[in-house]
Amino acid sequence: MPYAWQKFYQEAALQSDFQKLPDCIAKAEAAIQQRLADNPLIDSAEFEAIGKTLAALGVLKARINALHSERPPYEERLGGYVA
């Protein structure tokens, strides 16, 4: 990976545990924000990579939101089963 922040995106993209995914997404977004804060002058290739990564993270967040909205808020989970 050419950019250090990309490892955090890769961790988020490969995360299969949806309970851990929001934290991975937050870490990836924070790494990008830190990169931009450290040196706002970036080349066009990194600028494009950041844009694509932020879009992909947006898709992951939408998927998490969709999964949460599929379940009624009143359901109870017992041992992996819905009661």
Protein backbone atom coordinates (compact mmCIF):
# COMPACT_ATOMS: atom_id res chain seq x y z
CA MET A 1 0.00 0.00 0.00
CA PRO A 2 1.51 3.30 -1.00
CA TYR A 3 -0.16 5.38 1.74
CA ALA A 4 0.03 4.64 5.47
CA TRP A 5 -3.65 5.45 6.08
CA GLN A 6 -4.72 2.73 3.64
CA LYS A 7 -3.95 -0.05 6.14
CA PHE A 8 -6.81 1.22 8.30
CA TYR A 9 -9.19 1.18 5.35
CA GLN A 10 -8.05 -2.33 4.48
CA GLU A 11 -8.81 -3.47 8.04
CA ALA A 12 -12.30 -1.99 7.78
CA ALA A 13 -12.94 -3.46 4.33
CA LEU A 14 -11.89 -6.93 5.47
CA GLN A 15 -13.67 -6.84 8.83
CA SER A 16 -16.33 -9.57 8.93
CA ASP A 17 -17.56 -8.85 12.47
CA PHE A 18 -20.23 -6.16 12.13
CA GLN A 19 -19.86 -5.34 15.83
CA LYS A 20 -16.23 -4.29 15.22
CA LEU A 21 -16.83 -2.60 11.87
CA PRO A 22 -17.91 0.85 13.16
CA ASP A 23 -14.67 1.14 15.14
CA CYS A 24 -12.62 0.10 12.10
CA ILE A 25 -14.40 2.69 9.96
CA ALA A 26 -13.79 5.39 12.58
CA LYS A 27 -10.08 4.50 12.71
CA ALA A 28 -9.80 4.68 8.91
CA GLU A 29 -11.56 8.05 8.79
CA ALA A 30 -9.36 9.35 11.62
CA ALA A 31 -6.21 8.18 9.82
CA ILE A 32 -7.28 10.07 6.69
CA GLN A 33 -8.12 13.19 8.69
CA GLN A 34 -4.75 13.00 10.44
CA ARG A 35 -2.99 12.62 7.11
CA LEU A 36 -4.71 15.73 5.77
CA ALA A 37 -3.98 17.66 8.97
CA ASP A 38 -0.29 16.74 8.92
CA ASN A 39 0.25 17.90 5.36
CA PRO A 40 -2.71 19.22 3.38
CA LEU A 41 -0.65 19.31 0.18
CA ILE A 42 -1.19 15.98 -1.53
CA ASP A 43 -0.62 14.76 -5.04
CA SER A 44 -3.52 13.97 -7.36
CA ALA A 45 -3.11 10.20 -6.98
CA GLU A 46 -3.45 10.34 -3.20
CA PHE A 47 -6.30 12.85 -3.49
CA GLU A 48 -8.16 10.41 -5.74
CA ALA A 49 -7.39 7.50 -3.42
CA ILE A 50 -8.72 9.42 -0.42
CA GLY A 51 -11.91 10.27 -2.29
CA LYS A 52 -12.52 6.68 -3.32
CA THR A 53 -11.74 5.44 0.17
CA LEU A 54 -14.13 7.89 1.82
CA ALA A 55 -16.85 6.83 -0.63
CA ALA A 56 -16.22 3.16 0.15
CA LEU A 57 -16.34 3.88 3.89
CA GLY A 58 -19.66 5.62 3.28
CA VAL A 59 -20.98 2.44 1.66
CA LEU A 60 -19.85 0.40 4.67
CA LYS A 61 -21.60 2.84 7.02
CA ALA A 62 -24.79 2.65 4.96
CA ARG A 63 -24.66 -1.14 5.17
CA ILE A 64 -24.33 -0.99 8.95
CA ASN A 65 -27.27 1.44 9.15
CA ALA A 66 -29.35 -0.82 6.90
CA LEU A 67 -28.62 -3.83 9.09
CA HIS A 68 -29.64 -1.92 12.19
CA SER A 69 -32.86 -0.67 10.62
CA GLU A 70 -33.91 -4.18 9.56
CA ARG A 71 -34.39 -5.20 13.20
CA PRO A 72 -37.17 -3.71 15.28
CA PRO A 73 -35.70 -1.90 18.30
CA TYR A 74 -37.82 -3.95 20.74
CA GLU A 75 -36.55 -7.39 19.81
CA GLU A 76 -34.61 -9.31 22.38
CA ARG A 77 -31.73 -11.60 21.56
CA LEU A 78 -31.13 -14.69 23.62
CA GLY A 79 -28.18 -16.88 22.73
CA GLY A 80 -28.17 -15.67 19.13
CA TYR A 81 -31.89 -16.25 18.70
CA VAL A 82 -34.61 -13.65 18.52
CA ALA A 83 -37.17 -14.03 21.28
